[in-house]
Amino acid sequence: MSENALLVHYAYCSGCRSCELACRNEHDLPEGCWGIRVREEEPWQLPDGTWNWDYLPVPTSLCDFCADRTAAGLEPMCVQSCQAKVIETGPAQDLLARMAQLGKKTVVFRP
């Protein structure tokens, strides 16, 4: 498995949506179309009294992992623009191993 993938450690995603805007601008997508979309899980209280409230950046079917940029040795725009630095790219095998290290609230997306 040598293809590139995206890892999102969404425990720390602030929901700023800079990845959405950077992707839309990079690919000149019209309003209402997304290459990556930040989904919000509304807050809800856990049995221990703490709160769960997550934002999860999810690539859509329009995402090509910025093939032109990565072919030129650059990061995908979502990775470059992520203010919280919760999106990483690399070989899928490496990211799956990294996901195991990070633990909860991580996900790997493959093209």
PDB file of N, CA and C in Angstrom:
ATOM      1  N   MET A   1       0.849  -1.173   0.000  1.00  0.00           N
ATOM      2  CA  MET A   1       0.000   0.000   0.000  1.00  0.00           C
ATOM      3  C   MET A   1       0.898   1.240   0.000  1.00  0.00           C
ATOM      4  N   SER A   2       1.221   1.749  -1.169  1.00  0.00           N
ATOM      5  CA  SER A   2       2.116   2.892  -1.265  1.00  0.00           C
ATOM      6  C   SER A   2       1.393   4.187  -1.626  1.00  0.00           C
ATOM      7  N   GLU A   3       0.081   4.106  -1.870  1.00  0.00           N
ATOM      8  CA  GLU A   3      -0.643   5.313  -2.233  1.00  0.00           C
ATOM      9  C   GLU A   3      -0.710   6.294  -1.051  1.00  0.00           C
ATOM     10  N   ASN A   4      -0.814   7.563  -1.387  1.00  0.00           N
ATOM     11  CA  ASN A   4      -0.917   8.576  -0.348  1.00  0.00           C
ATOM     12  C   ASN A   4      -2.326   8.626   0.211  1.00  0.00           C
ATOM     13  N   ALA A   5      -2.418   9.126   1.416  1.00  0.00           N
ATOM     14  CA  ALA A   5      -3.687   9.229   2.117  1.00  0.00           C
ATOM     15  C   ALA A   5      -3.649  10.481   2.985  1.00  0.00           C
ATOM     16  N   LEU A   6      -4.773  10.774   3.616  1.00  0.00           N
ATOM     17  CA  LEU A   6      -4.860  11.876   4.574  1.00  0.00           C
ATOM     18  C   LEU A   6      -5.184  11.307   5.943  1.00  0.00           C
ATOM     19  N   LEU A   7      -4.502  11.784   6.955  1.00  0.00           N
ATOM     20  CA  LEU A   7      -4.816  11.448   8.330  1.00  0.00           C
ATOM     21  C   LEU A   7      -5.395  12.696   8.968  1.00  0.00           C
ATOM     22  N   VAL A   8      -6.509  12.547   9.666  1.00  0.00           N
ATOM     23  CA  VAL A   8      -7.115  13.654  10.391  1.00  0.00           C
ATOM     24  C   VAL A   8      -7.185  13.267  11.864  1.00  0.00           C
ATOM     25  N   HIS A   9      -6.519  14.057  12.711  1.00  0.00           N
ATOM     26  CA  HIS A   9      -6.581  13.875  14.161  1.00  0.00           C
ATOM     27  C   HIS A   9      -7.595  14.890  14.678  1.00  0.00           C
ATOM     28  N   TYR A  10      -8.865  14.533  14.536  1.00  0.00           N
ATOM     29  CA  TYR A  10      -9.922  15.517  14.729  1.00  0.00           C
ATOM     30  C   TYR A  10     -10.207  15.875  16.179  1.00  0.00           C
ATOM     31  N   ALA A  11      -9.535  15.260  17.128  1.00  0.00           N
ATOM     32  CA  ALA A  11      -9.701  15.665  18.523  1.00  0.00           C
ATOM     33  C   ALA A  11      -9.316  17.125  18.712  1.00  0.00           C
ATOM     34  N   TYR A  12      -8.463  17.638  17.843  1.00  0.00           N
ATOM     35  CA  TYR A  12      -7.968  19.004  17.983  1.00  0.00           C
ATOM     36  C   TYR A  12      -8.440  19.943  16.880  1.00  0.00           C
ATOM     37  N   CYS A  13      -9.331  19.497  16.009  1.00  0.00           N
ATOM     38  CA  CYS A  13      -9.858  20.364  14.955  1.00  0.00           C
ATOM     39  C   CYS A  13     -10.731  21.433  15.600  1.00  0.00           C
ATOM     40  N   SER A  14     -10.459  22.689  15.281  1.00  0.00           N
ATOM     41  CA  SER A  14     -11.198  23.812  15.879  1.00  0.00           C
ATOM     42  C   SER A  14     -12.423  24.192  15.062  1.00  0.00           C
ATOM     43  N   GLY A  15     -12.590  23.595  13.894  1.00  0.00           N
ATOM     44  CA  GLY A  15     -13.731  23.930  13.052  1.00  0.00           C
ATOM     45  C   GLY A  15     -13.576  25.242  12.308  1.00  0.00           C
ATOM     46  N   CYS A  16     -12.347  25.705  12.092  1.00  0.00           N
ATOM     47  CA  CYS A  16     -12.108  27.002  11.447  1.00  0.00           C
ATOM     48  C   CYS A  16     -12.469  27.000   9.965  1.00  0.00           C
ATOM     49  N   ARG A  17     -12.509  25.826   9.361  1.00  0.00           N
ATOM     50  CA  ARG A  17     -12.869  25.638   7.955  1.00  0.00           C
ATOM     51  C   ARG A  17     -11.864  26.226   6.952  1.00  0.00           C
ATOM     52  N   SER A  18     -10.652  26.501   7.404  1.00  0.00           N
ATOM     53  CA  SER A  18      -9.640  27.019   6.473  1.00  0.00           C
ATOM     54  C   SER A  18      -9.300  25.976   5.411  1.00  0.00           C
ATOM     55  N   CYS A  19      -9.402  24.696   5.737  1.00  0.00           N
ATOM     56  CA  CYS A  19      -9.153  23.644   4.751  1.00  0.00           C
ATOM     57  C   CYS A  19     -10.193  23.704   3.630  1.00  0.00           C
ATOM     58  N   GLU A  20     -11.456  23.951   3.989  1.00  0.00           N
ATOM     59  CA  GLU A  20     -12.515  24.050   2.989  1.00  0.00           C
ATOM     60  C   GLU A  20     -12.245  25.189   2.007  1.00  0.00           C
ATOM     61  N   LEU A  21     -11.936  26.352   2.543  1.00  0.00           N
ATOM     62  CA  LEU A  21     -11.712  27.539   1.714  1.00  0.00           C
ATOM     63  C   LEU A  21     -10.481  27.371   0.829  1.00  0.00           C
ATOM     64  N   ALA A  22      -9.390  26.865   1.405  1.00  0.00           N
ATOM     65  CA  ALA A  22      -8.154  26.673   0.633  1.00  0.00           C
ATOM     66  C   ALA A  22      -8.381  25.685  -0.505  1.00  0.00           C
ATOM     67  N   CYS A  23      -9.104  24.621  -0.247  1.00  0.00           N
ATOM     68  CA  CYS A  23      -9.397  23.622  -1.273  1.00  0.00           C
ATOM     69  C   CYS A  23     -10.261  24.225  -2.374  1.00  0.00           C
ATOM     70  N   ARG A  24     -11.299  24.935  -1.966  1.00  0.00           N
ATOM     71  CA  ARG A  24     -12.194  25.536  -2.965  1.00  0.00           C
ATOM     72  C   ARG A  24     -11.438  26.512  -3.854  1.00  0.00           C
ATOM     73  N   ASN A  25     -10.566  27.313  -3.260  1.00  0.00           N
ATOM     74  CA  ASN A  25      -9.785  28.275  -4.040  1.00  0.00           C
ATOM     75  C   ASN A  25      -8.776  27.578  -4.946  1.00  0.00           C
ATOM     76  N   GLU A  26      -8.112  26.556  -4.446  1.00  0.00           N
ATOM     77  CA  GLU A  26      -7.117  25.829  -5.234  1.00  0.00           C
ATOM     78  C   GLU A  26      -7.734  25.189  -6.471  1.00  0.00           C
ATOM     79  N   HIS A  27      -8.923  24.647  -6.320  1.00  0.00           N
ATOM     80  CA  HIS A  27      -9.564  23.902  -7.408  1.00  0.00           C
ATOM     81  C   HIS A  27     -10.645  24.702  -8.118  1.00  0.00           C
ATOM     82  N   ASP A  28     -10.782  25.966  -7.744  1.00  0.00           N
ATOM     83  CA  ASP A  28     -11.770  26.857  -8.366  1.00  0.00           C
ATOM     84  C   ASP A  28     -13.161  26.226  -8.374  1.00  0.00           C
ATOM     85  N   LEU A  29     -13.548  25.700  -7.211  1.00  0.00           N
ATOM     86  CA  LEU A  29     -14.850  25.051  -7.087  1.00  0.00           C
ATOM     87  C   LEU A  29     -15.931  26.098  -6.863  1.00  0.00           C
ATOM     88  N   PRO A  30     -17.089  25.910  -7.471  1.00  0.00           N
ATOM     89  CA  PRO A  30     -18.176  26.868  -7.273  1.00  0.00           C
ATOM     90  C   PRO A  30     -18.759  26.759  -5.861  1.00  0.00           C
ATOM     91  N   GLU A  31     -19.458  27.801  -5.449  1.00  0.00           N
ATOM     92  CA  GLU A  31     -20.101  27.793  -4.140  1.00  0.00           C
ATOM     93  C   GLU A  31     -21.027  26.583  -4.041  1.00  0.00           C
ATOM     94  N   GLY A  32     -20.984  25.939  -2.900  1.00  0.00           N
ATOM     95  CA  GLY A  32     -21.812  24.754  -2.689  1.00  0.00           C
ATOM     96  C   GLY A  32     -21.131  23.452  -3.052  1.00  0.00           C
ATOM     97  N   CYS A  33     -19.935  23.526  -3.636  1.00  0.00           N
ATOM     98  CA  CYS A  33     -19.144  22.329  -3.950  1.00  0.00           C
ATOM     99  C   CYS A  33     -17.922  22.314  -3.042  1.00  0.00           C
ATOM    100  N   TRP A  34     -17.557  21.138  -2.599  1.00  0.00           N
ATOM    101  CA  TRP A  34     -16.469  21.012  -1.636  1.00  0.00           C
ATOM    102  C   TRP A  34     -15.550  19.861  -2.015  1.00  0.00           C
ATOM    103  N   GLY A  35     -14.250  20.064  -1.864  1.00  0.00           N
ATOM    104  CA  GLY A  35     -13.277  18.989  -1.981  1.00  0.00           C
ATOM    105  C   GLY A  35     -13.047  18.343  -0.633  1.00  0.00           C
ATOM    106  N   ILE A  36     -13.193  19.159   0.413  1.00  0.00           N
ATOM    107  CA  ILE A  36     -13.160  18.686   1.795  1.00  0.00           C
ATOM    108  C   ILE A  36     -14.214  19.493   2.528  1.00  0.00           C
ATOM    109  N   ARG A  37     -14.907  18.854   3.435  1.00  0.00           N
ATOM    110  CA  ARG A  37     -16.000  19.516   4.149  1.00  0.00           C
ATOM    111  C   ARG A  37     -15.860  19.221   5.626  1.00  0.00           C
ATOM    112  N   VAL A  38     -15.956  20.253   6.448  1.00  0.00           N
ATOM    113  CA  VAL A  38     -15.882  20.079   7.899  1.00  0.00           C
ATOM    114  C   VAL A  38     -17.291  19.828   8.427  1.00  0.00           C
ATOM    115  N   ARG A  39     -17.464  18.681   9.013  1.00  0.00           N
ATOM    116  CA  ARG A  39     -18.747  18.299   9.611  1.00  0.00           C
ATOM    117  C   ARG A  39     -18.680  18.536  11.110  1.00  0.00           C
ATOM    118  N   GLU A  40     -19.776  19.034  11.664  1.00  0.00           N
ATOM    119  CA  GLU A  40     -19.821  19.311  13.100  1.00  0.00           C
ATOM    120  C   GLU A  40     -20.771  18.338  13.780  1.00  0.00           C
ATOM    121  N   GLU A  41     -20.268  17.728  14.833  1.00  0.00           N
ATOM    122  CA  GLU A  41     -21.128  16.922  15.692  1.00  0.00           C
ATOM    123  C   GLU A  41     -21.538  17.828  16.841  1.00  0.00           C
ATOM    124  N   GLU A  42     -22.809  18.145  16.902  1.00  0.00           N
ATOM    125  CA  GLU A  42     -23.318  19.060  17.928  1.00  0.00           C
ATOM    126  C   GLU A  42     -22.924  18.560  19.323  1.00  0.00           C
ATOM    127  N   PRO A  43     -22.759  19.488  20.267  1.00  0.00           N
ATOM    128  CA  PRO A  43     -22.359  19.076  21.618  1.00  0.00           C
ATOM    129  C   PRO A  43     -23.436  18.237  22.311  1.00  0.00           C
ATOM    130  N   TRP A  44     -22.973  17.248  23.034  1.00  0.00           N
ATOM    131  CA  TRP A  44     -23.856  16.442  23.870  1.00  0.00           C
ATOM    132  C   TRP A  44     -23.065  15.976  25.084  1.00  0.00           C
ATOM    133  N   GLN A  45     -23.765  15.822  26.188  1.00  0.00           N
ATOM    134  CA  GLN A  45     -23.110  15.508  27.452  1.00  0.00           C
ATOM    135  C   GLN A  45     -22.943  14.003  27.631  1.00  0.00           C
ATOM    136  N   LEU A  46     -21.737  13.631  28.045  1.00  0.00           N
ATOM    137  CA  LEU A  46     -21.424  12.238  28.315  1.00  0.00           C
ATOM    138  C   LEU A  46     -21.883  11.873  29.728  1.00  0.00           C
ATOM    139  N   PRO A  47     -22.032  10.589  30.021  1.00  0.00           N
ATOM    140  CA  PRO A  47     -22.480  10.180  31.355  1.00  0.00           C
ATOM    141  C   PRO A  47     -21.592  10.690  32.499  1.00  0.00           C
ATOM    142  N   ASP A  48     -20.305  10.921  32.224  1.00  0.00           N
ATOM    143  CA  ASP A  48     -19.411  11.395  33.295  1.00  0.00           C
ATOM    144  C   ASP A  48     -19.492  12.910  33.493  1.00  0.00           C
ATOM    145  N   GLY A  49     -20.381  13.585  32.748  1.00  0.00           N
ATOM    146  CA  GLY A  49     -20.566  15.023  32.910  1.00  0.00           C
ATOM    147  C   GLY A  49     -19.748  15.878  31.956  1.00  0.00           C
ATOM    148  N   THR A  50     -18.768  15.277  31.239  1.00  0.00           N
ATOM    149  CA  THR A  50     -18.004  16.034  30.251  1.00  0.00           C
ATOM    150  C   THR A  50     -18.819  16.142  28.969  1.00  0.00           C
ATOM    151  N   TRP A  51     -18.342  16.966  28.060  1.00  0.00           N
ATOM    152  CA  TRP A  51     -19.069  17.207  26.819  1.00  0.00           C
ATOM    153  C   TRP A  51     -18.307  16.679  25.624  1.00  0.00           C
ATOM    154  N   ASN A  52     -19.033  16.161  24.663  1.00  0.00           N
ATOM    155  CA  ASN A  52     -18.476  15.732  23.390  1.00  0.00           C
ATOM    156  C   ASN A  52     -18.926  16.745  22.335  1.00  0.00           C
ATOM    157  N   TRP A  53     -17.952  17.306  21.615  1.00  0.00           N
ATOM    158  CA  TRP A  53     -18.268  18.282  20.567  1.00  0.00           C
ATOM    159  C   TRP A  53     -17.116  18.229  19.579  1.00  0.00           C
ATOM    160  N   ASP A  54     -17.361  17.669  18.421  1.00  0.00           N
ATOM    161  CA  ASP A  54     -16.295  17.432  17.461  1.00  0.00           C
ATOM    162  C   ASP A  54     -16.563  18.085  16.122  1.00  0.00           C
ATOM    163  N   TYR A  55     -15.469  18.447  15.461  1.00  0.00           N
ATOM    164  CA  TYR A  55     -15.473  18.855  14.059  1.00  0.00           C
ATOM    165  C   TYR A  55     -14.649  17.812  13.322  1.00  0.00           C
ATOM    166  N   LEU A  56     -15.129  17.382  12.173  1.00  0.00           N
ATOM    167  CA  LEU A  56     -14.430  16.347  11.422  1.00  0.00           C
ATOM    168  C   LEU A  56     -14.307  16.749   9.958  1.00  0.00           C
ATOM    169  N   PRO A  57     -13.085  17.103   9.511  1.00  0.00           N
ATOM    170  CA  PRO A  57     -12.858  17.358   8.084  1.00  0.00           C
ATOM    171  C   PRO A  57     -12.933  16.044   7.305  1.00  0.00           C
ATOM    172  N   VAL A  58     -13.781  16.025   6.273  1.00  0.00           N
ATOM    173  CA  VAL A  58     -13.999  14.812   5.487  1.00  0.00           C
ATOM    174  C   VAL A  58     -13.813  15.130   4.003  1.00  0.00           C
ATOM    175  N   PRO A  59     -12.864  14.465   3.328  1.00  0.00           N
ATOM    176  CA  PRO A  59     -12.735  14.658   1.874  1.00  0.00           C
ATOM    177  C   PRO A  59     -13.992  14.159   1.157  1.00  0.00           C
ATOM    178  N   THR A  60     -14.386  14.860   0.103  1.00  0.00           N
ATOM    179  CA  THR A  60     -15.547  14.451  -0.685  1.00  0.00           C
ATOM    180  C   THR A  60     -15.066  13.718  -1.938  1.00  0.00           C
ATOM    181  N   SER A  61     -16.001  13.331  -2.775  1.00  0.00           N
ATOM    182  CA  SER A  61     -15.631  12.651  -4.021  1.00  0.00           C
ATOM    183  C   SER A  61     -14.909  13.590  -4.985  1.00  0.00           C
ATOM    184  N   LEU A  62     -14.949  14.902  -4.747  1.00  0.00           N
ATOM    185  CA  LEU A  62     -14.218  15.857  -5.585  1.00  0.00           C
ATOM    186  C   LEU A  62     -12.740  15.956  -5.196  1.00  0.00           C
ATOM    187  N   CYS A  63     -12.375  15.400  -4.061  1.00  0.00           N
ATOM    188  CA  CYS A  63     -10.984  15.463  -3.596  1.00  0.00           C
ATOM    189  C   CYS A  63     -10.103  14.541  -4.438  1.00  0.00           C
ATOM    190  N   ASP A  64      -9.047  15.116  -5.001  1.00  0.00           N
ATOM    191  CA  ASP A  64      -8.066  14.312  -5.735  1.00  0.00           C
ATOM    192  C   ASP A  64      -6.728  14.318  -5.001  1.00  0.00           C
ATOM    193  N   PHE A  65      -6.764  14.666  -3.715  1.00  0.00           N
ATOM    194  CA  PHE A  65      -5.573  14.746  -2.876  1.00  0.00           C
ATOM    195  C   PHE A  65      -4.556  15.719  -3.475  1.00  0.00           C
ATOM    196  N   CYS A  66      -5.090  16.740  -4.171  1.00  0.00           N
ATOM    197  CA  CYS A  66      -4.256  17.765  -4.828  1.00  0.00           C
ATOM    198  C   CYS A  66      -3.149  17.105  -5.654  1.00  0.00           C
ATOM    199  N   ALA A  67      -3.559  16.262  -6.591  1.00  0.00           N
ATOM    200  CA  ALA A  67      -2.617  15.484  -7.398  1.00  0.00           C
ATOM    201  C   ALA A  67      -1.538  16.343  -8.051  1.00  0.00           C
ATOM    202  N   ASP A  68      -1.908  17.507  -8.573  1.00  0.00           N
ATOM    203  CA  ASP A  68      -0.914  18.387  -9.213  1.00  0.00           C
ATOM    204  C   ASP A  68       0.108  18.887  -8.204  1.00  0.00           C
ATOM    205  N   ARG A  69      -0.372  19.277  -7.036  1.00  0.00           N
ATOM    206  CA  ARG A  69       0.529  19.795  -5.993  1.00  0.00           C
ATOM    207  C   ARG A  69       1.452  18.693  -5.473  1.00  0.00           C
ATOM    208  N   THR A  70       0.885  17.524  -5.174  1.00  0.00           N
ATOM    209  CA  THR A  70       1.714  16.455  -4.623  1.00  0.00           C
ATOM    210  C   THR A  70       2.716  15.939  -5.652  1.00  0.00           C
ATOM    211  N   ALA A  71       2.340  15.967  -6.929  1.00  0.00           N
ATOM    212  CA  ALA A  71       3.283  15.572  -7.983  1.00  0.00           C
ATOM    213  C   ALA A  71       4.469  16.535  -8.035  1.00  0.00           C
ATOM    214  N   ALA A  72       4.241  17.780  -7.621  1.00  0.00           N
ATOM    215  CA  ALA A  72       5.301  18.790  -7.592  1.00  0.00           C
ATOM    216  C   ALA A  72       6.027  18.821  -6.247  1.00  0.00           C
ATOM    217  N   GLY A  73       5.712  17.854  -5.366  1.00  0.00           N
ATOM    218  CA  GLY A  73       6.387  17.785  -4.069  1.00  0.00           C
ATOM    219  C   GLY A  73       5.793  18.689  -3.003  1.00  0.00           C
ATOM    220  N   LEU A  74       4.591  19.219  -3.249  1.00  0.00           N
ATOM    221  CA  LEU A  74       3.921  20.096  -2.293  1.00  0.00           C
ATOM    222  C   LEU A  74       2.840  19.329  -1.540  1.00  0.00           C
ATOM    223  N   GLU A  75       2.433  19.863  -0.397  1.00  0.00           N
ATOM    224  CA  GLU A  75       1.351  19.264   0.372  1.00  0.00           C
ATOM    225  C   GLU A  75       0.007  19.627  -0.255  1.00  0.00           C
ATOM    226  N   PRO A  76      -1.008  18.801  -0.047  1.00  0.00           N
ATOM    227  CA  PRO A  76      -2.353  19.206  -0.451  1.00  0.00           C
ATOM    228  C   PRO A  76      -2.728  20.510   0.272  1.00  0.00           C
ATOM    229  N   MET A  77      -3.588  21.299  -0.340  1.00  0.00           N
ATOM    230  CA  MET A  77      -3.955  22.593   0.234  1.00  0.00           C
ATOM    231  C   MET A  77      -4.598  22.468   1.602  1.00  0.00           C
ATOM    232  N   CYS A  78      -5.385  21.431   1.841  1.00  0.00           N
ATOM    233  CA  CYS A  78      -6.008  21.282   3.160  1.00  0.00           C
ATOM    234  C   CYS A  78      -4.960  21.084   4.245  1.00  0.00           C
ATOM    235  N   VAL A  79      -3.910  20.336   3.923  1.00  0.00           N
ATOM    236  CA  VAL A  79      -2.834  20.105   4.886  1.00  0.00           C
ATOM    237  C   VAL A  79      -2.071  21.404   5.127  1.00  0.00           C
ATOM    238  N   GLN A  80      -1.731  22.090   4.045  1.00  0.00           N
ATOM    239  CA  GLN A  80      -0.960  23.328   4.162  1.00  0.00           C
ATOM    240  C   GLN A  80      -1.722  24.395   4.940  1.00  0.00           C
ATOM    241  N   SER A  81      -3.023  24.471   4.764  1.00  0.00           N
ATOM    242  CA  SER A  81      -3.790  25.571   5.353  1.00  0.00           C
ATOM    243  C   SER A  81      -4.377  25.268   6.723  1.00  0.00           C
ATOM    244  N   CYS A  82      -4.293  24.045   7.186  1.00  0.00           N
ATOM    245  CA  CYS A  82      -4.900  23.674   8.468  1.00  0.00           C
ATOM    246  C   CYS A  82      -4.221  24.428   9.611  1.00  0.00           C
ATOM    247  N   GLN A  83      -4.972  25.324  10.247  1.00  0.00           N
ATOM    248  CA  GLN A  83      -4.417  26.149  11.314  1.00  0.00           C
ATOM    249  C   GLN A  83      -4.069  25.338  12.553  1.00  0.00           C
ATOM    250  N   ALA A  84      -4.826  24.297  12.824  1.00  0.00           N
ATOM    251  CA  ALA A  84      -4.572  23.462  14.001  1.00  0.00           C
ATOM    252  C   ALA A  84      -3.576  22.340  13.716  1.00  0.00           C
ATOM    253  N   LYS A  85      -3.163  22.200  12.452  1.00  0.00           N
ATOM    254  CA  LYS A  85      -2.213  21.162  12.027  1.00  0.00           C
ATOM    255  C   LYS A  85      -2.696  19.760  12.403  1.00  0.00           C
ATOM    256  N   VAL A  86      -3.980  19.499  12.140  1.00  0.00           N
ATOM    257  CA  VAL A  86      -4.555  18.188  12.443  1.00  0.00           C
ATOM    258  C   VAL A  86      -4.686  17.298  11.218  1.00  0.00           C
ATOM    259  N   ILE A  87      -4.326  17.820  10.036  1.00  0.00           N
ATOM    260  CA  ILE A  87      -4.394  17.029   8.810  1.00  0.00           C
ATOM    261  C   ILE A  87      -2.976  16.765   8.327  1.00  0.00           C
ATOM    262  N   GLU A  88      -2.666  15.505   8.072  1.00  0.00           N
ATOM    263  CA  GLU A  88      -1.350  15.099   7.584  1.00  0.00           C
ATOM    264  C   GLU A  88      -1.535  14.297   6.302  1.00  0.00           C
ATOM    265  N   THR A  89      -0.499  14.239   5.507  1.00  0.00           N
ATOM    266  CA  THR A  89      -0.525  13.411   4.309  1.00  0.00           C
ATOM    267  C   THR A  89       0.741  12.563   4.265  1.00  0.00           C
ATOM    268  N   GLY A  90       0.661  11.468   3.556  1.00  0.00           N
ATOM    269  CA  GLY A  90       1.808  10.575   3.409  1.00  0.00           C
ATOM    270  C   GLY A  90       1.339   9.226   2.927  1.00  0.00           C
ATOM    271  N   PRO A  91       2.266   8.289   2.841  1.00  0.00           N
ATOM    272  CA  PRO A  91       1.886   6.933   2.438  1.00  0.00           C
ATOM    273  C   PRO A  91       0.855   6.353   3.412  1.00  0.00           C
ATOM    274  N   ALA A  92      -0.170   5.720   2.871  1.00  0.00           N
ATOM    275  CA  ALA A  92      -1.257   5.194   3.689  1.00  0.00           C
ATOM    276  C   ALA A  92      -0.747   4.276   4.799  1.00  0.00           C
ATOM    277  N   GLN A  93       0.206   3.423   4.474  1.00  0.00           N
ATOM    278  CA  GLN A  93       0.756   2.491   5.470  1.00  0.00           C
ATOM    279  C   GLN A  93       1.347   3.247   6.668  1.00  0.00           C
ATOM    280  N   ASP A  94       2.094   4.324   6.402  1.00  0.00           N
ATOM    281  CA  ASP A  94       2.696   5.127   7.474  1.00  0.00           C
ATOM    282  C   ASP A  94       1.624   5.826   8.309  1.00  0.00           C
ATOM    283  N   LEU A  95       0.595   6.325   7.634  1.00  0.00           N
ATOM    284  CA  LEU A  95      -0.455   7.038   8.357  1.00  0.00           C
ATOM    285  C   LEU A  95      -1.297   6.100   9.210  1.00  0.00           C
ATOM    286  N   LEU A  96      -1.488   4.872   8.755  1.00  0.00           N
ATOM    287  CA  LEU A  96      -2.201   3.900   9.577  1.00  0.00           C
ATOM    288  C   LEU A  96      -1.411   3.585  10.845  1.00  0.00           C
ATOM    289  N   ALA A  97      -0.097   3.491  10.732  1.00  0.00           N
ATOM    290  CA  ALA A  97       0.739   3.273  11.914  1.00  0.00           C
ATOM    291  C   ALA A  97       0.687   4.494  12.835  1.00  0.00           C
ATOM    292  N   ARG A  98       0.707   5.689  12.259  1.00  0.00           N
ATOM    293  CA  ARG A  98       0.618   6.918  13.060  1.00  0.00           C
ATOM    294  C   ARG A  98      -0.735   7.011  13.756  1.00  0.00           C
ATOM    295  N   MET A  99      -1.791   6.600  13.075  1.00  0.00           N
ATOM    296  CA  MET A  99      -3.121   6.609  13.667  1.00  0.00           C
ATOM    297  C   MET A  99      -3.153   5.733  14.922  1.00  0.00           C
ATOM    298  N   ALA A 100      -2.495   4.612  14.884  1.00  0.00           N
ATOM    299  CA  ALA A 100      -2.439   3.723  16.043  1.00  0.00           C
ATOM    300  C   ALA A 100      -1.722   4.397  17.214  1.00  0.00           C
ATOM    301  N   GLN A 101      -0.700   5.211  16.921  1.00  0.00           N
ATOM    302  CA  GLN A 101       0.014   5.939  17.975  1.00  0.00           C
ATOM    303  C   GLN A 101      -0.843   7.036  18.593  1.00  0.00           C
ATOM    304  N   LEU A 102      -1.611   7.731  17.752  1.00  0.00           N
ATOM    305  CA  LEU A 102      -2.395   8.867  18.227  1.00  0.00           C
ATOM    306  C   LEU A 102      -3.615   8.444  19.032  1.00  0.00           C
ATOM    307  N   GLY A 103      -4.138   7.275  18.749  1.00  0.00           N
ATOM    308  CA  GLY A 103      -5.272   6.781  19.523  1.00  0.00           C
ATOM    309  C   GLY A 103      -6.612   7.294  19.039  1.00  0.00           C
ATOM    310  N   LYS A 104      -7.466   7.649  19.972  1.00  0.00           N
ATOM    311  CA  LYS A 104      -8.842   8.033  19.676  1.00  0.00           C
ATOM    312  C   LYS A 104      -8.930   9.265  18.783  1.00  0.00           C
ATOM    313  N   LYS A 105     -10.060   9.348  18.118  1.00  0.00           N
ATOM    314  CA  LYS A 105     -10.431  10.483  17.281  1.00  0.00           C
ATOM    315  C   LYS A 105      -9.444  10.760  16.167  1.00  0.00           C
ATOM    316  N   THR A 106      -9.030   9.709  15.496  1.00  0.00           N
ATOM    317  CA  THR A 106      -8.200   9.819  14.296  1.00  0.00           C
ATOM    318  C   THR A 106      -8.843   8.970  13.202  1.00  0.00           C
ATOM    319  N   VAL A 107      -8.631   9.397  11.976  1.00  0.00           N
ATOM    320  CA  VAL A 107      -9.166   8.655  10.850  1.00  0.00           C
ATOM    321  C   VAL A 107      -8.218   8.855   9.661  1.00  0.00           C
ATOM    322  N   VAL A 108      -8.111   7.824   8.811  1.00  0.00           N
ATOM    323  CA  VAL A 108      -7.296   7.900   7.610  1.00  0.00           C
ATOM    324  C   VAL A 108      -8.230   7.767   6.410  1.00  0.00           C
ATOM    325  N   PHE A 109      -8.083   8.698   5.458  1.00  0.00           N
ATOM    326  CA  PHE A 109      -8.844   8.672   4.211  1.00  0.00           C
ATOM    327  C   PHE A 109      -7.901   8.338   3.070  1.00  0.00           C
ATOM    328  N   ARG A 110      -8.299   7.369   2.240  1.00  0.00           N
ATOM    329  CA  ARG A 110      -7.542   7.028   1.037  1.00  0.00           C
ATOM    330  C   ARG A 110      -8.330   7.465  -0.176  1.00  0.00           C
ATOM    331  N   PRO A 111      -7.640   7.770  -1.277  1.00  0.00           N
ATOM    332  CA  PRO A 111      -8.375   8.190  -2.477  1.00  0.00           C
ATOM    333  C   PRO A 111      -9.240   7.072  -3.037  1.00  0.00           C
TER     334      PRO A 111
END
